[in-house]
Amino acid sequence: MANQKDTLINIIELVSKKLIEAENMLTDLDSPAGDADCGSGVRRGFEAVTKIIPELGQMELGDILKKVGFTLAYTIGGTSGAMLGTGFIETGKSIGDKKEPDAKDWVAALGNALAVIKRRGGNTQIGDKTLVDSLEPAIIAMKNLVDSDIQSGGSQLNMFSIIEAAVTAAKAGSERTIEMIARKGRASYLGERSKGHRDPGSLVIVIMFEAALEGMKR
């Protein structure tokens, strides 16, 4: 069985591949209400991540995540780069020097990252039509599983089942953005006209969790 470092690097490779391939889809979603640059920015960021993959094997988990985050922040630019970069960086900070964090550690780290993302986005909330609309439900679903397992005194919970729950919740959250009126970013300038379009950032989160789930199967 692969150790956590190998699994994480594998997931980062899969996330990068799938988001690079999603460029046109993200651009189409961003065109009606944004700058139509979400797809190209995300592609640029994760192409840069693929170039640092060979370096990651020499790092510990927390440093791997921070390296990916800084790479995304520097290369994507704009709000997308700041939010995605922050997510990886803050998760890495929370994991710290743990070599084999458990499910509770990972979910807590993601929760900490979400809090910083929301704060840096100007107190972004569910309903603002951003990536938070898929990320927060995913993390809530993960936390609920962990809390339930702790309360039952069990120890059977694994990251695969946790990420599986996250994928389902993220998809539902992303779907809900279609009927939302944007309250953040350029799309918010459109008011009612922002309805009827899925938020591209929310789909980025879905794709990331789907890739993580696929990576857990390998």
C-alpha atoms as a PDB file:
ATOM      1  CA  MET A   1       0.000   0.000   0.000  1.00  0.00           C
ATOM      2  CA  ALA A   2       1.318   3.447  -0.909  1.00  0.00           C
ATOM      3  CA  ASN A   3       2.260   5.757   1.934  1.00  0.00           C
ATOM      4  CA  GLN A   4       0.526   9.086   2.374  1.00  0.00           C
ATOM      5  CA  LYS A   5       3.223  11.045   0.592  1.00  0.00           C
ATOM      6  CA  ASP A   6       3.053   8.885  -2.539  1.00  0.00           C
ATOM      7  CA  THR A   7      -0.746   9.012  -2.469  1.00  0.00           C
ATOM      8  CA  LEU A   8      -0.766  12.808  -2.097  1.00  0.00           C
ATOM      9  CA  ILE A   9       1.663  13.295  -4.983  1.00  0.00           C
ATOM     10  CA  ASN A  10      -0.399  10.946  -7.130  1.00  0.00           C
ATOM     11  CA  ILE A  11      -3.540  12.941  -6.303  1.00  0.00           C
ATOM     12  CA  ILE A  12      -1.803  16.228  -7.126  1.00  0.00           C
ATOM     13  CA  GLU A  13      -0.808  14.794 -10.514  1.00  0.00           C
ATOM     14  CA  LEU A  14      -4.388  13.651 -11.190  1.00  0.00           C
ATOM     15  CA  VAL A  15      -5.880  16.974 -10.073  1.00  0.00           C
ATOM     16  CA  SER A  16      -3.482  18.820 -12.357  1.00  0.00           C
ATOM     17  CA  LYS A  17      -4.236  16.587 -15.333  1.00  0.00           C
ATOM     18  CA  LYS A  18      -8.006  16.836 -14.955  1.00  0.00           C
ATOM     19  CA  LEU A  19      -8.060  20.601 -14.432  1.00  0.00           C
ATOM     20  CA  ILE A  20      -5.777  21.190 -17.419  1.00  0.00           C
ATOM     21  CA  GLU A  21      -8.187  19.089 -19.498  1.00  0.00           C
ATOM     22  CA  ALA A  22     -11.148  21.081 -18.132  1.00  0.00           C
ATOM     23  CA  GLU A  23      -9.879  24.400 -19.545  1.00  0.00           C
ATOM     24  CA  ASN A  24     -12.551  24.793 -22.229  1.00  0.00           C
ATOM     25  CA  MET A  25     -15.387  23.789 -19.935  1.00  0.00           C
ATOM     26  CA  LEU A  26     -14.280  26.290 -17.279  1.00  0.00           C
ATOM     27  CA  THR A  27     -13.856  29.014 -19.901  1.00  0.00           C
ATOM     28  CA  ASP A  28     -17.384  28.407 -21.207  1.00  0.00           C
ATOM     29  CA  LEU A  29     -18.791  28.702 -17.689  1.00  0.00           C
ATOM     30  CA  ASP A  30     -16.810  31.871 -16.990  1.00  0.00           C
ATOM     31  CA  SER A  31     -17.734  33.607 -20.258  1.00  0.00           C
ATOM     32  CA  PRO A  32     -21.315  34.749 -19.486  1.00  0.00           C
ATOM     33  CA  ALA A  33     -20.525  36.358 -16.145  1.00  0.00           C
ATOM     34  CA  GLY A  34     -16.757  36.649 -15.729  1.00  0.00           C
ATOM     35  CA  ASP A  35     -13.607  37.457 -17.649  1.00  0.00           C
ATOM     36  CA  ALA A  36     -13.594  34.130 -19.547  1.00  0.00           C
ATOM     37  CA  ASP A  37     -10.123  33.567 -18.116  1.00  0.00           C
ATOM     38  CA  CYS A  38     -10.869  30.976 -15.425  1.00  0.00           C
ATOM     39  CA  GLY A  39     -10.005  28.067 -17.703  1.00  0.00           C
ATOM     40  CA  SER A  40      -6.748  29.498 -18.974  1.00  0.00           C
ATOM     41  CA  GLY A  41      -5.702  30.636 -15.510  1.00  0.00           C
ATOM     42  CA  VAL A  42      -6.390  27.257 -13.921  1.00  0.00           C
ATOM     43  CA  ARG A  43      -4.614  25.495 -16.789  1.00  0.00           C
ATOM     44  CA  ARG A  44      -1.593  27.762 -16.413  1.00  0.00           C
ATOM     45  CA  GLY A  45      -1.465  27.175 -12.678  1.00  0.00           C
ATOM     46  CA  PHE A  46      -1.678  23.417 -12.813  1.00  0.00           C
ATOM     47  CA  GLU A  47       0.745  23.181 -15.728  1.00  0.00           C
ATOM     48  CA  ALA A  48       3.189  24.919 -13.394  1.00  0.00           C
ATOM     49  CA  VAL A  49       2.344  22.392 -10.674  1.00  0.00           C
ATOM     50  CA  THR A  50       3.133  19.481 -13.012  1.00  0.00           C
ATOM     51  CA  LYS A  51       6.618  20.937 -13.487  1.00  0.00           C
ATOM     52  CA  ILE A  52       7.377  20.817  -9.750  1.00  0.00           C
ATOM     53  CA  ILE A  53       6.122  17.232  -9.255  1.00  0.00           C
ATOM     54  CA  PRO A  54       9.700  15.809  -9.377  1.00  0.00           C
ATOM     55  CA  GLU A  55      10.649  18.022  -6.410  1.00  0.00           C
ATOM     56  CA  LEU A  56       7.776  16.940  -4.174  1.00  0.00           C
ATOM     57  CA  GLY A  57       9.138  13.515  -3.275  1.00  0.00           C
ATOM     58  CA  GLN A  58      11.900  15.177  -1.264  1.00  0.00           C
ATOM     59  CA  MET A  59       9.412  17.094   0.909  1.00  0.00           C
ATOM     60  CA  GLU A  60       7.113  16.241   3.793  1.00  0.00           C
ATOM     61  CA  LEU A  61       3.321  16.415   3.419  1.00  0.00           C
ATOM     62  CA  GLY A  62       2.858  19.924   4.774  1.00  0.00           C
ATOM     63  CA  ASP A  63       5.633  21.352   2.613  1.00  0.00           C
ATOM     64  CA  ILE A  64       4.279  19.589  -0.483  1.00  0.00           C
ATOM     65  CA  LEU A  65       0.919  21.280  -0.033  1.00  0.00           C
ATOM     66  CA  LYS A  66       2.468  24.682   0.621  1.00  0.00           C
ATOM     67  CA  LYS A  67       4.710  24.377  -2.451  1.00  0.00           C
ATOM     68  CA  VAL A  68       1.689  23.593  -4.634  1.00  0.00           C
ATOM     69  CA  GLY A  69      -0.248  26.476  -3.092  1.00  0.00           C
ATOM     70  CA  PHE A  70       2.461  29.065  -3.672  1.00  0.00           C
ATOM     71  CA  THR A  71       2.902  27.814  -7.237  1.00  0.00           C
ATOM     72  CA  LEU A  72      -0.810  28.261  -7.940  1.00  0.00           C
ATOM     73  CA  ALA A  73      -0.957  31.684  -6.297  1.00  0.00           C
ATOM     74  CA  TYR A  74       1.973  32.950  -8.350  1.00  0.00           C
ATOM     75  CA  THR A  75       0.929  31.537 -11.704  1.00  0.00           C
ATOM     76  CA  ILE A  76      -2.876  31.752 -11.828  1.00  0.00           C
ATOM     77  CA  GLY A  77      -3.161  35.264 -10.466  1.00  0.00           C
ATOM     78  CA  GLY A  78      -6.380  37.057  -9.574  1.00  0.00           C
ATOM     79  CA  THR A  79      -9.009  35.777  -7.178  1.00  0.00           C
ATOM     80  CA  SER A  80      -8.816  32.183  -8.422  1.00  0.00           C
ATOM     81  CA  GLY A  81      -5.088  32.012  -7.764  1.00  0.00           C
ATOM     82  CA  ALA A  82      -5.456  33.581  -4.337  1.00  0.00           C
ATOM     83  CA  MET A  83      -8.255  31.256  -3.246  1.00  0.00           C
ATOM     84  CA  LEU A  84      -6.839  28.007  -4.638  1.00  0.00           C
ATOM     85  CA  GLY A  85      -3.346  28.900  -3.462  1.00  0.00           C
ATOM     86  CA  THR A  86      -4.649  29.744  -0.001  1.00  0.00           C
ATOM     87  CA  GLY A  87      -6.456  26.413   0.183  1.00  0.00           C
ATOM     88  CA  PHE A  88      -3.303  24.387  -0.382  1.00  0.00           C
ATOM     89  CA  ILE A  89      -1.053  26.645   1.700  1.00  0.00           C
ATOM     90  CA  GLU A  90      -3.313  26.708   4.754  1.00  0.00           C
ATOM     91  CA  THR A  91      -3.956  22.957   4.562  1.00  0.00           C
ATOM     92  CA  GLY A  92      -0.200  22.453   4.476  1.00  0.00           C
ATOM     93  CA  LYS A  93       0.308  24.735   7.465  1.00  0.00           C
ATOM     94  CA  SER A  94      -2.237  22.786   9.477  1.00  0.00           C
ATOM     95  CA  ILE A  95      -0.718  19.409   8.579  1.00  0.00           C
ATOM     96  CA  GLY A  96       2.661  20.817   9.566  1.00  0.00           C
ATOM     97  CA  ASP A  97       5.317  18.171  10.144  1.00  0.00           C
ATOM     98  CA  LYS A  98       2.911  15.253  10.596  1.00  0.00           C
ATOM     99  CA  LYS A  99       4.149  12.315   8.516  1.00  0.00           C
ATOM    100  CA  GLU A 100       1.038  10.131   8.802  1.00  0.00           C
ATOM    101  CA  PRO A 101      -1.892  12.372   9.754  1.00  0.00           C
ATOM    102  CA  ASP A 102      -5.164  10.576  10.372  1.00  0.00           C
ATOM    103  CA  ALA A 103      -8.570  11.353   8.874  1.00  0.00           C
ATOM    104  CA  LYS A 104      -9.385  13.779  11.671  1.00  0.00           C
ATOM    105  CA  ASP A 105      -6.147  15.704  11.023  1.00  0.00           C
ATOM    106  CA  TRP A 106      -6.887  16.020   7.305  1.00  0.00           C
ATOM    107  CA  VAL A 107     -10.468  17.162   7.773  1.00  0.00           C
ATOM    108  CA  ALA A 108      -9.429  19.681  10.434  1.00  0.00           C
ATOM    109  CA  ALA A 109      -6.728  21.022   8.111  1.00  0.00           C
ATOM    110  CA  LEU A 110      -9.219  21.465   5.279  1.00  0.00           C
ATOM    111  CA  GLY A 111     -11.617  23.179   7.672  1.00  0.00           C
ATOM    112  CA  ASN A 112      -8.900  25.616   8.722  1.00  0.00           C
ATOM    113  CA  ALA A 113      -8.120  26.325   5.066  1.00  0.00           C
ATOM    114  CA  LEU A 114     -11.792  26.986   4.339  1.00  0.00           C
ATOM    115  CA  ALA A 115     -11.968  29.524   7.160  1.00  0.00           C
ATOM    116  CA  VAL A 116      -9.021  31.466   5.732  1.00  0.00           C
ATOM    117  CA  ILE A 117     -10.423  31.291   2.180  1.00  0.00           C
ATOM    118  CA  LYS A 118     -13.732  32.730   3.381  1.00  0.00           C
ATOM    119  CA  ARG A 119     -12.022  35.488   5.343  1.00  0.00           C
ATOM    120  CA  ARG A 120      -9.718  36.486   2.487  1.00  0.00           C
ATOM    121  CA  GLY A 121     -12.654  36.485   0.116  1.00  0.00           C
ATOM    122  CA  GLY A 122     -14.321  39.217   2.159  1.00  0.00           C
ATOM    123  CA  ASN A 123     -16.291  36.937   4.470  1.00  0.00           C
ATOM    124  CA  THR A 124     -17.526  34.783   1.595  1.00  0.00           C
ATOM    125  CA  GLN A 125     -20.499  32.589   2.490  1.00  0.00           C
ATOM    126  CA  ILE A 126     -22.526  29.798   0.962  1.00  0.00           C
ATOM    127  CA  GLY A 127     -24.949  31.470  -1.441  1.00  0.00           C
ATOM    128  CA  ASP A 128     -22.450  34.010  -2.789  1.00  0.00           C
ATOM    129  CA  LYS A 129     -21.915  31.841  -5.892  1.00  0.00           C
ATOM    130  CA  THR A 130     -18.235  31.029  -5.465  1.00  0.00           C
ATOM    131  CA  LEU A 131     -16.079  27.956  -4.916  1.00  0.00           C
ATOM    132  CA  VAL A 132     -17.172  28.092  -1.265  1.00  0.00           C
ATOM    133  CA  ASP A 133     -20.596  26.811  -2.377  1.00  0.00           C
ATOM    134  CA  SER A 134     -19.062  23.426  -3.198  1.00  0.00           C
ATOM    135  CA  LEU A 135     -16.071  23.444  -0.835  1.00  0.00           C
ATOM    136  CA  GLU A 136     -17.921  24.157   2.408  1.00  0.00           C
ATOM    137  CA  PRO A 137     -20.607  21.455   1.947  1.00  0.00           C
ATOM    138  CA  ALA A 138     -17.842  18.986   1.081  1.00  0.00           C
ATOM    139  CA  ILE A 139     -15.921  19.777   4.247  1.00  0.00           C
ATOM    140  CA  ILE A 140     -19.095  19.680   6.356  1.00  0.00           C
ATOM    141  CA  ALA A 141     -19.866  16.212   4.962  1.00  0.00           C
ATOM    142  CA  MET A 142     -16.342  15.055   5.775  1.00  0.00           C
ATOM    143  CA  LYS A 143     -16.463  16.503   9.289  1.00  0.00           C
ATOM    144  CA  ASN A 144     -19.839  14.902   9.977  1.00  0.00           C
ATOM    145  CA  LEU A 145     -18.437  11.476   9.131  1.00  0.00           C
ATOM    146  CA  VAL A 146     -15.393  11.994  11.328  1.00  0.00           C
ATOM    147  CA  ASP A 147     -17.466  13.310  14.248  1.00  0.00           C
ATOM    148  CA  SER A 148     -19.905  10.412  13.956  1.00  0.00           C
ATOM    149  CA  ASP A 149     -17.065   7.917  13.966  1.00  0.00           C
ATOM    150  CA  ILE A 150     -15.526   9.510  17.056  1.00  0.00           C
ATOM    151  CA  GLN A 151     -18.844   9.528  18.905  1.00  0.00           C
ATOM    152  CA  SER A 152     -19.417   5.856  18.147  1.00  0.00           C
ATOM    153  CA  GLY A 153     -15.957   4.994  19.388  1.00  0.00           C
ATOM    154  CA  GLY A 154     -15.165   3.397  16.059  1.00  0.00           C
ATOM    155  CA  SER A 155     -11.940   3.428  14.100  1.00  0.00           C
ATOM    156  CA  GLN A 156     -13.116   2.015  10.783  1.00  0.00           C
ATOM    157  CA  LEU A 157     -13.335   5.355   8.981  1.00  0.00           C
ATOM    158  CA  ASN A 158     -10.928   5.807   6.082  1.00  0.00           C
ATOM    159  CA  MET A 159     -10.103   8.664   3.754  1.00  0.00           C
ATOM    160  CA  PHE A 160     -11.741   6.957   0.784  1.00  0.00           C
ATOM    161  CA  SER A 161     -15.200   7.027   2.366  1.00  0.00           C
ATOM    162  CA  ILE A 162     -14.618  10.586   3.572  1.00  0.00           C
ATOM    163  CA  ILE A 163     -13.645  11.845   0.119  1.00  0.00           C
ATOM    164  CA  GLU A 164     -16.537   9.923  -1.417  1.00  0.00           C
ATOM    165  CA  ALA A 165     -18.907  11.915   0.807  1.00  0.00           C
ATOM    166  CA  ALA A 166     -17.086  15.116  -0.140  1.00  0.00           C
ATOM    167  CA  VAL A 167     -17.568  14.454  -3.867  1.00  0.00           C
ATOM    168  CA  THR A 168     -21.323  13.984  -3.434  1.00  0.00           C
ATOM    169  CA  ALA A 169     -21.675  17.146  -1.338  1.00  0.00           C
ATOM    170  CA  ALA A 170     -19.439  19.224  -3.629  1.00  0.00           C
ATOM    171  CA  LYS A 171     -21.441  18.197  -6.707  1.00  0.00           C
ATOM    172  CA  ALA A 172     -24.718  19.164  -5.034  1.00  0.00           C
ATOM    173  CA  GLY A 173     -23.265  22.487  -3.909  1.00  0.00           C
ATOM    174  CA  SER A 174     -21.942  23.270  -7.379  1.00  0.00           C
ATOM    175  CA  GLU A 175     -25.308  22.409  -8.906  1.00  0.00           C
ATOM    176  CA  ARG A 176     -27.016  24.886  -6.572  1.00  0.00           C
ATOM    177  CA  THR A 177     -24.879  27.762  -7.876  1.00  0.00           C
ATOM    178  CA  ILE A 178     -26.719  27.616 -11.212  1.00  0.00           C
ATOM    179  CA  GLU A 179     -29.770  29.346  -9.743  1.00  0.00           C
ATOM    180  CA  MET A 180     -27.826  31.719  -7.495  1.00  0.00           C
ATOM    181  CA  ILE A 181     -27.310  35.433  -8.011  1.00  0.00           C
ATOM    182  CA  ALA A 182     -23.603  36.180  -7.675  1.00  0.00           C
ATOM    183  CA  ARG A 183     -22.635  38.366  -4.725  1.00  0.00           C
ATOM    184  CA  LYS A 184     -18.861  38.250  -5.142  1.00  0.00           C
ATOM    185  CA  GLY A 185     -16.432  38.968  -7.960  1.00  0.00           C
ATOM    186  CA  ARG A 186     -17.083  40.313 -11.442  1.00  0.00           C
ATOM    187  CA  ALA A 187     -20.181  38.152 -11.842  1.00  0.00           C
ATOM    188  CA  SER A 188     -21.851  40.150  -9.051  1.00  0.00           C
ATOM    189  CA  TYR A 189     -22.030  43.166 -11.382  1.00  0.00           C
ATOM    190  CA  LEU A 190     -24.587  41.299 -13.487  1.00  0.00           C
ATOM    191  CA  GLY A 191     -27.125  40.922 -10.699  1.00  0.00           C
ATOM    192  CA  GLU A 192     -30.072  38.780 -11.832  1.00  0.00           C
ATOM    193  CA  ARG A 193     -28.319  38.029 -15.120  1.00  0.00           C
ATOM    194  CA  SER A 194     -25.782  35.908 -13.248  1.00  0.00           C
ATOM    195  CA  LYS A 195     -28.517  33.295 -12.666  1.00  0.00           C
ATOM    196  CA  GLY A 196     -28.625  30.254 -14.909  1.00  0.00           C
ATOM    197  CA  HIS A 197     -24.879  29.652 -14.976  1.00  0.00           C
ATOM    198  CA  ARG A 198     -22.822  27.319 -12.789  1.00  0.00           C
ATOM    199  CA  ASP A 199     -19.984  28.999 -10.935  1.00  0.00           C
ATOM    200  CA  PRO A 200     -16.723  27.765 -12.519  1.00  0.00           C
ATOM    201  CA  GLY A 201     -14.836  27.863  -9.216  1.00  0.00           C
ATOM    202  CA  SER A 202     -17.360  25.502  -7.678  1.00  0.00           C
ATOM    203  CA  LEU A 203     -16.723  23.054 -10.522  1.00  0.00           C
ATOM    204  CA  VAL A 204     -12.958  23.288  -9.937  1.00  0.00           C
ATOM    205  CA  ILE A 205     -13.579  22.029  -6.388  1.00  0.00           C
ATOM    206  CA  VAL A 206     -15.731  19.151  -7.671  1.00  0.00           C
ATOM    207  CA  ILE A 207     -13.024  18.102 -10.122  1.00  0.00           C
ATOM    208  CA  MET A 208     -10.387  18.244  -7.395  1.00  0.00           C
ATOM    209  CA  PHE A 209     -12.346  15.987  -5.041  1.00  0.00           C
ATOM    210  CA  GLU A 210     -13.175  13.582  -7.904  1.00  0.00           C
ATOM    211  CA  ALA A 211      -9.479  13.358  -8.736  1.00  0.00           C
ATOM    212  CA  ALA A 212      -8.644  12.769  -5.079  1.00  0.00           C
ATOM    213  CA  LEU A 213     -11.161   9.933  -4.961  1.00  0.00           C
ATOM    214  CA  GLU A 214      -9.661   8.386  -8.083  1.00  0.00           C
ATOM    215  CA  GLY A 215      -6.208   8.744  -6.586  1.00  0.00           C
ATOM    216  CA  MET A 216      -7.318   6.916  -3.452  1.00  0.00           C
ATOM    217  CA  LYS A 217      -8.363   3.945  -5.562  1.00  0.00           C
ATOM    218  CA  ARG A 218      -4.903   3.470  -7.026  1.00  0.00           C
END
